[in-house]
N, C-alpha and C. Protein backbone atom coordinates (compact mmCIF):
# COMPACT_ATOMS: atom_id res chain seq x y z
N MET A 1 197.82 152.28 76.21
CA MET A 1 197.74 152.31 74.74
C MET A 1 198.64 153.35 74.08
N ALA A 2 198.71 154.45 74.79
CA ALA A 2 199.66 155.43 74.19
C ALA A 2 201.02 154.98 74.26
N ASP A 3 201.29 154.24 75.26
CA ASP A 3 202.92 153.70 75.54
C ASP A 3 203.22 152.79 74.40
N ALA A 4 202.07 152.01 73.99
CA ALA A 4 202.31 150.99 72.82
C ALA A 4 202.23 151.66 71.61
N GLY A 5 202.15 152.88 71.52
CA GLY A 5 202.17 153.56 70.19
C GLY A 5 200.79 153.88 69.59
N VAL A 6 199.74 153.56 70.25
CA VAL A 6 198.51 153.66 69.71
C VAL A 6 198.14 155.35 69.71
N GLU A 7 197.55 155.77 68.61
CA GLU A 7 197.04 157.23 68.64
C GLU A 7 195.99 157.26 69.57
N VAL A 8 196.09 158.14 70.61
CA VAL A 8 194.81 158.40 71.43
C VAL A 8 194.47 159.80 71.42
N VAL A 9 193.12 159.98 70.96
CA VAL A 9 192.62 161.46 70.82
C VAL A 9 191.57 161.58 71.86
N TYR A 10 191.65 162.62 72.56
CA TYR A 10 190.94 162.87 73.76
C TYR A 10 190.03 164.12 73.51
N ALA A 11 188.73 163.92 73.24
CA ALA A 11 187.77 165.17 73.09
C ALA A 11 187.32 165.77 74.38
N VAL A 12 187.76 166.86 74.72
CA VAL A 12 187.48 167.54 76.09
C VAL A 12 185.94 167.75 76.05
N GLY A 13 185.50 167.20 77.21
CA GLY A 13 184.10 167.48 77.52
C GLY A 13 183.67 168.53 78.34
N ASN A 14 182.58 168.73 78.72
CA ASN A 14 181.90 169.83 79.64
C ASN A 14 182.62 169.69 80.99
N ARG A 15 183.16 168.56 81.54
CA ARG A 15 183.56 168.45 82.77
C ARG A 15 185.18 168.26 82.75
N ASP A 16 185.73 168.18 81.51
CA ASP A 16 187.17 167.95 81.35
C ASP A 16 188.09 169.17 81.29
N PRO A 17 187.70 170.32 81.07
CA PRO A 17 188.77 171.39 80.90
C PRO A 17 189.49 171.68 82.17
N TRP A 18 189.09 171.29 83.38
CA TRP A 18 189.59 171.47 84.56
C TRP A 18 190.98 170.77 84.76
N HIS A 19 191.34 169.72 83.78
CA HIS A 19 192.58 169.04 84.11
C HIS A 19 193.61 169.65 83.13
N LEU A 20 193.27 170.74 82.47
CA LEU A 20 194.22 171.46 81.62
C LEU A 20 194.90 170.59 80.83
N ASP A 21 196.24 170.55 80.71
CA ASP A 21 197.01 169.74 79.76
C ASP A 21 197.49 168.37 80.26
N TYR A 22 196.91 167.94 81.27
CA TYR A 22 197.47 166.56 81.92
C TYR A 22 197.35 165.52 80.99
N VAL A 23 196.29 165.22 80.40
CA VAL A 23 196.24 164.27 79.36
C VAL A 23 197.26 164.19 78.22
N ALA A 24 197.37 165.31 77.77
CA ALA A 24 198.24 165.51 76.80
C ALA A 24 199.86 165.37 77.06
N SER A 25 200.14 166.01 78.29
CA SER A 25 201.41 165.96 78.66
C SER A 25 201.84 164.64 79.31
N GLU A 26 201.07 164.07 80.19
CA GLU A 26 201.24 162.79 81.03
C GLU A 26 201.01 161.57 80.04
N ILE A 27 199.84 161.60 79.38
CA ILE A 27 199.54 160.37 78.55
C ILE A 27 200.22 160.34 77.00
N GLY A 28 200.29 161.57 76.51
CA GLY A 28 200.52 161.75 75.25
C GLY A 28 199.45 161.59 74.38
N ALA A 29 198.36 162.04 74.72
CA ALA A 29 197.14 162.03 73.91
C ALA A 29 197.02 163.28 73.21
N ILE A 30 196.21 163.24 72.11
CA ILE A 30 196.02 164.40 71.31
C ILE A 30 194.79 165.11 71.91
N LEU A 31 194.80 166.37 72.56
CA LEU A 31 193.72 166.95 73.18
C LEU A 31 193.06 167.72 72.22
N VAL A 32 191.70 167.46 72.11
CA VAL A 32 190.75 168.27 71.12
C VAL A 32 189.84 169.03 72.19
N ARG A 33 189.92 170.35 72.03
CA ARG A 33 188.96 171.29 72.71
C ARG A 33 187.88 171.67 72.01
N ASP A 34 187.81 171.54 70.79
CA ASP A 34 186.68 171.86 69.97
C ASP A 34 186.25 170.73 68.96
N VAL A 35 186.76 170.75 67.73
CA VAL A 35 186.39 169.68 66.79
C VAL A 35 187.66 169.04 66.20
N TRP A 36 187.67 167.79 66.12
CA TRP A 36 188.93 167.07 65.48
C TRP A 36 188.38 166.57 64.12
N ARG A 37 189.07 167.09 63.15
CA ARG A 37 188.79 166.70 61.80
C ARG A 37 190.05 165.98 61.33
N ALA A 38 189.74 164.61 60.81
CA ALA A 38 190.81 163.82 60.34
C ALA A 38 190.25 162.86 59.32
N ARG A 39 191.15 162.03 58.73
CA ARG A 39 190.84 160.99 57.85
C ARG A 39 191.48 159.66 58.45
N ARG A 40 190.54 158.77 58.85
CA ARG A 40 190.94 157.40 59.40
C ARG A 40 190.05 156.26 58.84
N ALA A 41 190.65 155.22 58.46
CA ALA A 41 189.97 154.07 57.94
C ALA A 41 189.26 154.43 56.71
N GLY A 42 189.59 155.35 56.03
CA GLY A 42 189.05 155.74 54.75
C GLY A 42 187.76 156.70 54.96
N HIS A 43 187.66 157.19 56.07
CA HIS A 43 186.44 157.99 56.43
C HIS A 43 186.92 159.42 56.89
N ALA A 44 186.15 160.53 56.47
CA ALA A 44 186.55 161.85 56.80
C ALA A 44 185.65 162.07 58.06
N LEU A 45 186.33 162.40 59.18
CA LEU A 45 185.80 162.36 60.47
C LEU A 45 185.74 163.80 61.00
N TYR A 46 184.53 164.08 61.79
CA TYR A 46 184.25 165.25 62.30
C TYR A 46 183.85 164.91 63.84
N ILE A 47 184.73 164.93 64.80
CA ILE A 47 184.61 164.44 66.10
C ILE A 47 184.65 165.62 67.26
N ALA A 48 183.78 165.64 68.00
CA ALA A 48 183.72 166.51 69.10
C ALA A 48 183.09 165.88 70.28
N HIS A 49 183.10 166.47 71.42
CA HIS A 49 182.49 166.06 72.64
C HIS A 49 180.99 166.27 72.53
N GLY A 50 180.53 167.55 72.05
CA GLY A 50 179.08 167.54 71.69
C GLY A 50 178.47 168.76 72.63
N ASP A 51 179.17 169.12 73.72
CA ASP A 51 178.60 170.02 74.58
C ASP A 51 178.55 171.50 74.04
N GLN A 52 179.55 171.64 73.17
CA GLN A 52 179.63 173.05 72.43
C GLN A 52 178.76 173.02 71.25
N GLN A 53 178.33 171.78 70.64
CA GLN A 53 177.41 171.78 69.70
C GLN A 53 175.91 171.76 70.06
N GLU A 54 175.71 171.24 71.23
CA GLU A 54 174.31 171.22 71.70
C GLU A 54 173.70 172.60 71.97
N PRO A 55 172.55 172.77 71.33
CA PRO A 55 171.91 174.11 71.49
C PRO A 55 171.61 174.35 72.96
N ALA A 56 172.15 175.63 73.47
CA ALA A 56 172.02 175.87 74.90
C ALA A 56 171.21 177.11 75.11
N GLY A 57 170.60 177.23 76.43
CA GLY A 57 169.86 178.22 76.80
C GLY A 57 170.75 179.54 77.04
N TRP A 58 170.18 180.60 77.43
CA TRP A 58 170.91 181.86 77.52
C TRP A 58 172.06 181.66 78.54
N LEU A 59 171.68 181.26 79.89
CA LEU A 59 172.88 181.10 80.78
C LEU A 59 173.93 180.19 80.28
N ALA A 60 173.57 179.07 79.85
CA ALA A 60 174.67 178.10 79.40
C ALA A 60 175.50 178.60 78.29
N SER A 61 174.86 179.28 77.32
CA SER A 61 175.72 179.95 76.24
C SER A 61 176.56 180.85 76.49
N ARG A 62 176.40 181.58 77.84
CA ARG A 62 177.46 182.45 78.33
C ARG A 62 178.40 181.90 79.19
N LEU A 63 178.11 180.75 79.87
CA LEU A 63 178.96 180.05 80.80
C LEU A 63 179.93 179.24 80.08
N LYS A 64 179.42 178.53 79.01
CA LYS A 64 180.37 177.54 78.39
C LYS A 64 181.72 178.09 78.00
N PRO A 65 181.59 179.26 77.11
CA PRO A 65 183.02 179.72 76.79
C PRO A 65 183.91 180.21 78.00
N LEU A 66 183.29 180.84 78.88
CA LEU A 66 183.95 181.21 79.97
C LEU A 66 184.65 180.12 80.85
N LEU A 67 183.94 178.95 81.08
CA LEU A 67 184.51 177.90 81.68
C LEU A 67 185.55 177.04 81.01
N ARG A 68 185.75 177.34 79.70
CA ARG A 68 186.82 176.76 78.96
C ARG A 68 188.12 177.44 79.01
N VAL A 69 188.06 178.67 79.47
CA VAL A 69 189.33 179.57 79.57
C VAL A 69 190.30 178.89 80.49
N PRO A 70 191.43 178.63 80.21
CA PRO A 70 192.49 178.00 81.17
C PRO A 70 192.58 178.68 82.46
N LEU A 71 192.49 180.03 82.47
CA LEU A 71 192.50 180.85 83.82
C LEU A 71 191.50 180.40 84.65
N MET A 72 190.31 180.16 84.22
CA MET A 72 189.24 179.76 85.08
C MET A 72 189.59 178.36 85.69
N ALA A 73 190.14 177.31 84.89
CA ALA A 73 190.56 176.06 85.43
C ALA A 73 191.58 176.32 86.52
N ARG A 74 192.60 177.13 86.38
CA ARG A 74 193.52 177.34 87.23
C ARG A 74 193.01 178.02 88.55
N LEU A 75 192.08 178.87 88.52
CA LEU A 75 191.41 179.52 89.64
C LEU A 75 190.68 178.53 90.40
N TYR A 76 189.95 177.58 89.58
CA TYR A 76 189.19 176.59 90.33
C TYR A 76 190.05 175.60 91.05
N ARG A 77 191.17 175.27 90.55
CA ARG A 77 192.09 174.32 91.20
C ARG A 77 192.80 174.83 92.27
N MET A 78 193.05 176.26 92.27
CA MET A 78 193.76 176.88 93.32
C MET A 78 192.90 177.21 94.39
N SER A 79 191.60 177.55 94.15
CA SER A 79 190.48 177.94 95.27
C SER A 79 190.04 176.85 96.08
N LEU A 80 189.78 175.70 95.56
CA LEU A 80 189.01 174.67 96.10
C LEU A 80 189.98 173.48 96.20
N PRO A 81 189.96 172.80 97.50
CA PRO A 81 190.66 171.40 97.60
C PRO A 81 189.91 170.50 96.77
N GLY A 82 190.64 169.42 96.40
CA GLY A 82 190.05 168.50 95.56
C GLY A 82 188.62 167.94 95.85
N ASP A 83 188.53 167.55 97.13
CA ASP A 83 187.16 166.97 97.37
C ASP A 83 186.02 167.93 97.33
N ALA A 84 186.37 169.24 97.79
CA ALA A 84 185.35 170.28 97.62
C ALA A 84 185.01 170.60 96.25
N GLY A 85 186.03 170.63 95.35
CA GLY A 85 185.88 170.91 93.97
C GLY A 85 185.08 169.81 93.32
N TYR A 86 185.27 168.58 93.56
CA TYR A 86 184.70 167.39 93.15
C TYR A 86 183.12 167.59 93.52
N GLY A 87 182.96 167.81 94.74
CA GLY A 87 181.62 167.91 95.34
C GLY A 87 180.77 169.02 94.62
N LEU A 88 181.60 170.07 94.37
CA LEU A 88 180.88 171.23 93.75
C LEU A 88 180.36 170.80 92.41
N MET A 89 181.27 170.19 91.57
CA MET A 89 181.05 169.83 90.25
C MET A 89 179.85 168.65 90.29
N ARG A 90 179.86 167.77 91.27
CA ARG A 90 178.73 166.79 91.25
C ARG A 90 177.43 167.55 91.81
N TRP A 91 177.39 168.54 92.46
CA TRP A 91 176.16 169.16 92.76
C TRP A 91 175.56 169.91 91.62
N VAL A 92 176.59 170.61 90.83
CA VAL A 92 176.11 171.35 89.58
C VAL A 92 175.55 170.30 88.56
N SER A 93 176.32 169.23 88.52
CA SER A 93 175.83 168.22 87.47
C SER A 93 174.49 167.71 87.69
N THR A 94 174.24 167.37 89.09
CA THR A 94 172.96 166.63 89.31
C THR A 94 171.86 167.89 89.54
N ARG A 95 172.27 169.06 89.65
CA ARG A 95 171.25 170.11 89.82
C ARG A 95 170.89 170.66 88.40
N PHE A 96 171.92 170.80 87.47
CA PHE A 96 171.66 171.48 86.28
C PHE A 96 171.90 170.50 85.00
N GLY A 97 172.60 169.45 85.25
CA GLY A 97 172.81 168.49 84.18
C GLY A 97 171.97 167.22 84.18
N SER A 98 172.67 166.23 83.54
CA SER A 98 172.03 164.92 83.50
C SER A 98 172.73 163.79 84.38
N ASP A 99 173.92 164.09 84.92
CA ASP A 99 174.60 163.28 85.54
C ASP A 99 174.77 161.83 85.10
N GLY A 100 174.89 161.60 83.76
CA GLY A 100 175.01 160.34 83.03
C GLY A 100 173.65 159.72 82.61
N VAL A 101 172.58 160.40 82.84
CA VAL A 101 171.28 159.91 82.43
C VAL A 101 170.91 160.47 80.97
N PRO A 102 170.62 159.78 80.11
CA PRO A 102 170.41 160.21 78.75
C PRO A 102 169.30 161.18 78.78
N ARG A 103 169.36 162.31 78.05
CA ARG A 103 168.28 163.29 78.02
C ARG A 103 167.86 163.28 76.53
N PRO A 104 166.67 162.73 76.24
CA PRO A 104 166.10 162.39 75.01
C PRO A 104 165.98 163.80 74.04
N ARG A 105 165.59 164.76 74.71
CA ARG A 105 165.47 166.00 73.75
C ARG A 105 166.83 166.60 73.44
N ALA A 106 167.81 166.52 74.29
CA ALA A 106 169.11 166.86 74.08
C ALA A 106 169.76 165.88 73.05
N ALA A 107 169.52 164.65 73.26
CA ALA A 107 170.15 163.63 72.15
C ALA A 107 169.52 163.92 70.74
N ALA A 108 168.25 164.22 70.66
CA ALA A 108 167.65 164.53 69.35
C ALA A 108 168.27 165.72 68.87
N ALA A 109 168.43 166.86 69.59
CA ALA A 109 169.02 168.05 69.13
C ALA A 109 170.37 167.91 68.65
N LEU A 110 171.30 167.17 69.26
CA LEU A 110 172.57 166.80 69.02
C LEU A 110 172.63 165.96 67.53
N ALA A 111 171.60 165.02 67.47
CA ALA A 111 171.57 164.29 66.23
C ALA A 111 171.15 165.34 65.05
N ALA A 112 170.42 166.28 65.35
CA ALA A 112 170.00 167.08 64.29
C ALA A 112 171.22 167.97 63.96
N VAL A 113 172.05 168.39 64.98
CA VAL A 113 173.32 169.22 64.51
C VAL A 113 174.25 168.29 63.75
N ALA A 114 174.33 167.08 64.03
CA ALA A 114 175.09 165.95 63.31
C ALA A 114 174.68 165.92 61.79
N ARG A 115 173.35 165.69 61.56
CA ARG A 115 172.96 165.72 60.36
C ARG A 115 173.15 167.12 59.55
N THR A 116 173.01 168.09 60.08
CA THR A 116 173.44 169.50 59.44
C THR A 116 174.95 169.39 59.21
N THR A 117 175.77 169.05 59.99
CA THR A 117 177.18 168.94 59.81
C THR A 117 177.47 168.08 58.61
N LEU A 118 176.98 166.90 58.49
CA LEU A 118 177.17 165.92 57.51
C LEU A 118 176.73 166.66 56.09
N ALA A 119 175.63 167.30 56.07
CA ALA A 119 175.31 167.95 54.87
C ALA A 119 176.22 169.21 54.40
N ALA A 120 176.78 169.86 55.50
CA ALA A 120 177.36 171.25 55.16
C ALA A 120 179.05 170.99 55.09
N THR A 121 179.49 169.77 55.40
CA THR A 121 180.99 169.51 55.50
C THR A 121 181.30 168.34 54.56
N ASP A 122 182.61 168.09 54.37
CA ASP A 122 183.11 166.98 53.61
C ASP A 122 183.10 165.66 54.61
N ALA A 123 182.66 165.89 55.58
CA ALA A 123 182.59 164.62 56.69
C ALA A 123 181.70 163.54 56.33
N ASP A 124 182.10 162.35 56.43
CA ASP A 124 181.14 161.20 56.10
C ASP A 124 180.83 160.57 57.46
N LEU A 125 181.41 160.90 58.66
CA LEU A 125 181.19 160.42 59.93
C LEU A 125 181.15 161.58 60.92
N VAL A 126 180.07 161.86 61.70
CA VAL A 126 180.12 162.82 62.73
C VAL A 126 179.90 162.14 64.02
N ALA A 127 180.73 162.23 64.98
CA ALA A 127 180.62 161.68 66.26
C ALA A 127 180.53 162.51 67.45
N PHE A 128 179.64 162.59 68.17
CA PHE A 128 179.37 163.29 69.36
C PHE A 128 179.33 162.44 70.57
N GLY A 129 179.52 162.91 71.73
CA GLY A 129 179.27 162.18 73.05
C GLY A 129 178.22 162.95 73.74
N HIS A 130 178.58 163.46 74.84
CA HIS A 130 177.85 164.43 75.72
C HIS A 130 176.44 164.02 76.27
N VAL A 131 175.71 163.47 75.48
CA VAL A 131 174.28 163.19 75.87
C VAL A 131 174.09 161.74 76.35
N HIS A 132 175.24 160.93 76.35
CA HIS A 132 175.11 159.57 77.04
C HIS A 132 174.21 158.79 76.44
N ALA A 133 173.84 158.90 75.24
CA ALA A 133 172.77 158.11 74.54
C ALA A 133 173.36 157.43 73.32
N THR A 134 173.61 156.09 73.22
CA THR A 134 174.22 155.45 72.01
C THR A 134 173.24 155.76 70.68
N ALA A 135 173.91 156.12 69.68
CA ALA A 135 173.16 156.27 68.47
C ALA A 135 174.16 155.99 67.37
N LEU A 136 173.54 155.37 66.28
CA LEU A 136 174.31 155.10 64.89
C LEU A 136 173.24 155.32 63.82
N GLU A 137 173.23 156.46 63.28
CA GLU A 137 172.30 156.75 62.31
C GLU A 137 172.90 156.98 60.91
N THR A 138 172.34 156.28 59.86
CA THR A 138 172.87 156.52 58.55
C THR A 138 172.06 157.61 57.90
N THR A 139 172.59 158.55 57.27
CA THR A 139 172.03 159.48 56.37
C THR A 139 172.45 159.49 55.14
N PRO A 140 171.82 160.06 54.14
CA PRO A 140 172.35 160.21 52.71
C PRO A 140 173.80 160.79 52.72
N ASN A 141 174.20 161.54 53.66
CA ASN A 141 175.35 162.23 53.65
C ASN A 141 176.48 161.63 54.50
N GLY A 142 176.21 160.46 55.15
CA GLY A 142 177.20 159.80 56.02
C GLY A 142 176.42 159.23 57.34
N ALA A 143 177.19 159.13 58.32
CA ALA A 143 176.64 158.59 59.49
C ALA A 143 176.90 159.45 60.88
N TYR A 144 176.01 159.34 61.67
CA TYR A 144 176.08 160.05 62.98
C TYR A 144 176.20 158.96 64.03
N LEU A 145 177.23 159.15 64.95
CA LEU A 145 177.59 158.18 65.95
C LEU A 145 177.71 158.78 67.34
N ASN A 146 177.13 158.11 68.13
CA ASN A 146 177.29 158.50 69.64
C ASN A 146 177.59 157.26 70.41
N PRO A 147 178.80 157.09 71.02
CA PRO A 147 179.27 155.91 71.52
C PRO A 147 178.55 155.73 72.87
N GLY A 148 177.74 156.60 73.51
CA GLY A 148 177.10 156.29 74.60
C GLY A 148 177.85 156.71 75.92
N TYR A 149 177.66 155.85 76.92
CA TYR A 149 178.18 156.20 78.17
C TYR A 149 178.99 154.97 79.01
N TRP A 150 180.34 155.09 78.61
CA TRP A 150 181.29 154.02 79.03
C TRP A 150 181.21 153.69 80.46
N PHE A 151 181.11 154.94 81.34
CA PHE A 151 181.31 154.63 82.82
C PHE A 151 180.05 153.80 83.26
N GLY A 152 178.86 154.28 82.80
CA GLY A 152 177.59 153.70 83.25
C GLY A 152 177.19 152.43 82.43
N ASP A 153 177.21 152.50 81.17
CA ASP A 153 176.66 151.29 80.33
C ASP A 153 177.77 150.48 79.63
N ARG A 154 178.97 151.01 79.76
CA ARG A 154 180.28 150.22 79.18
C ARG A 154 180.07 150.04 77.57
N THR A 155 179.59 151.09 76.86
CA THR A 155 179.36 151.18 75.53
C THR A 155 180.58 151.90 74.85
N PHE A 156 180.95 151.42 73.63
CA PHE A 156 181.96 152.15 72.91
C PHE A 156 181.84 151.90 71.44
N ALA A 157 182.56 152.65 70.55
CA ALA A 157 182.41 152.52 69.17
C ALA A 157 183.77 152.12 68.61
N THR A 158 183.70 151.46 67.44
CA THR A 158 184.81 151.16 66.69
C THR A 158 184.64 151.71 65.24
N LEU A 159 185.70 151.87 64.60
CA LEU A 159 185.73 152.40 63.26
C LEU A 159 186.76 151.51 62.36
N ASP A 160 186.33 150.98 61.19
CA ASP A 160 187.14 150.38 60.28
C ASP A 160 186.68 150.70 58.89
N ALA A 161 187.24 150.14 57.73
CA ALA A 161 186.91 150.54 56.48
C ALA A 161 185.40 150.34 56.19
N ALA A 162 184.76 149.41 56.83
CA ALA A 162 183.37 149.12 56.54
C ALA A 162 182.32 150.16 57.20
N GLY A 163 183.00 150.89 58.18
CA GLY A 163 182.23 151.90 58.85
C GLY A 163 182.23 151.79 60.42
N PRO A 164 181.54 152.62 60.95
CA PRO A 164 181.34 152.71 62.60
C PRO A 164 180.44 151.41 63.01
N SER A 165 180.70 151.03 64.21
CA SER A 165 179.77 150.12 64.95
C SER A 165 179.87 150.28 66.38
N LEU A 166 178.73 149.97 66.99
CA LEU A 166 178.68 150.10 68.41
C LEU A 166 178.81 148.71 69.30
N TRP A 167 179.48 148.92 70.36
CA TRP A 167 179.77 147.67 71.18
C TRP A 167 179.42 148.03 72.66
N ARG A 168 179.22 146.80 73.37
CA ARG A 168 179.16 146.89 74.91
C ARG A 168 180.14 145.93 75.42
N TRP A 169 180.94 146.36 76.41
CA TRP A 169 181.73 145.50 77.15
C TRP A 169 180.97 144.84 78.35
N ARG A 170 180.94 143.43 78.19
CA ARG A 170 180.33 142.71 79.21
C ARG A 170 181.16 141.38 79.49
N ASP A 171 181.26 141.16 80.82
CA ASP A 171 181.84 139.87 81.07
C ASP A 171 183.18 139.57 80.50
N GLY A 172 184.07 140.76 80.21
CA GLY A 172 185.45 140.53 79.76
C GLY A 172 185.37 140.28 78.21
N ALA A 173 184.29 140.81 77.49
CA ALA A 173 184.28 140.78 76.06
C ALA A 173 183.37 141.67 75.48
N ALA A 174 183.67 142.07 74.14
CA ALA A 174 182.84 143.12 73.43
C ALA A 174 181.74 142.24 72.87
N GLU A 175 180.55 142.79 72.72
CA GLU A 175 179.46 142.21 72.05
C GLU A 175 178.82 143.40 71.38
N PRO A 176 178.44 143.15 69.98
CA PRO A 176 177.77 144.13 69.25
C PRO A 176 176.48 144.60 69.82
N LEU A 177 176.17 145.88 69.82
CA LEU A 177 174.79 146.34 70.38
C LEU A 177 173.83 146.14 69.10
N GLN A 178 172.52 145.95 69.50
CA GLN A 178 171.55 145.79 68.42
C GLN A 178 171.32 146.91 67.46
N ILE A 179 171.69 148.26 68.06
CA ILE A 179 171.56 149.44 67.29
C ILE A 179 172.53 149.51 66.13
N ALA A 180 173.68 148.65 66.10
CA ALA A 180 174.83 148.83 65.15
C ALA A 180 174.14 148.61 63.75
N ALA A 181 174.83 149.29 62.87
CA ALA A 181 174.54 148.96 61.41
C ALA A 181 174.55 147.59 61.10
N PRO A 182 173.68 147.14 60.15
CA PRO A 182 173.90 145.64 59.74
C PRO A 182 175.21 145.16 59.26
N ALA A 183 175.93 146.13 58.54
CA ALA A 183 177.27 145.62 58.12
C ALA A 183 178.17 145.46 59.34
N ALA A 184 178.08 146.31 60.23
CA ALA A 184 178.77 146.36 61.32
C ALA A 184 178.64 145.19 62.28
N ALA A 185 177.58 144.80 62.54
CA ALA A 185 177.13 143.56 63.38
C ALA A 185 177.83 142.48 62.99
N ALA A 186 178.07 142.05 61.87
CA ALA A 186 178.71 140.87 61.55
C ALA A 186 180.25 140.85 61.84
N ARG A 187 180.86 142.03 61.99
CA ARG A 187 182.24 142.16 62.27
C ARG A 187 182.54 141.73 63.74
N THR A 188 183.82 141.64 63.99
CA THR A 188 184.12 141.28 65.38
C THR A 188 184.92 142.60 66.06
N ALA A 189 184.81 142.63 67.30
CA ALA A 189 185.38 143.75 67.96
C ALA A 189 186.91 143.69 68.02
N PRO A 190 187.61 144.66 68.01
CA PRO A 190 189.12 144.57 68.15
C PRO A 190 189.46 143.83 69.59
N ALA A 191 190.59 143.23 69.60
CA ALA A 191 191.19 142.81 70.85
C ALA A 191 191.48 143.93 71.64
N LEU A 192 191.10 143.94 72.91
CA LEU A 192 191.54 144.98 73.91
C LEU A 192 192.38 144.21 74.77
N SER A 193 193.56 144.87 75.15
CA SER A 193 194.37 144.33 76.36
C SER A 193 194.81 145.43 77.22
């Protein structure tokens, strides 16, 4: 997509800081480590992965900033062979994270942060990922969107002038999710190639 001139924005997630600048330098994507604010399709966007916005416990609140320091990523890459590093991250994910399984309390907390962000900023669309739970919620101040979990559920979101909508990729085609806003359900998904 980037080679074809499509703007690609990559929101760094809780498992992503370890690749440092690879996505930006090799693919040409805009790498977002915190929040990306932009205007697209007539909407003021506030987009982040969501792990830094999710309320965290004592240990996580101290570890998250430390793990995002580029020096930590370099030490991790230099200290562990690829398979050992991947194994460690899978173990940490299954022991302390969700490993792709939606966590309802975390999803509700992130949605609450989105509603607060919509009320406190000029954004009319807040999009977070992180909790792997599709969501499209309209509020008086705008919409909250979570595209869900592409690797597990093949869900994704689109945005056009009419607003955001949620889709699932199935059998080589995009189909609208039932959760999509009524105006969005009547639209067709963009062609992907």
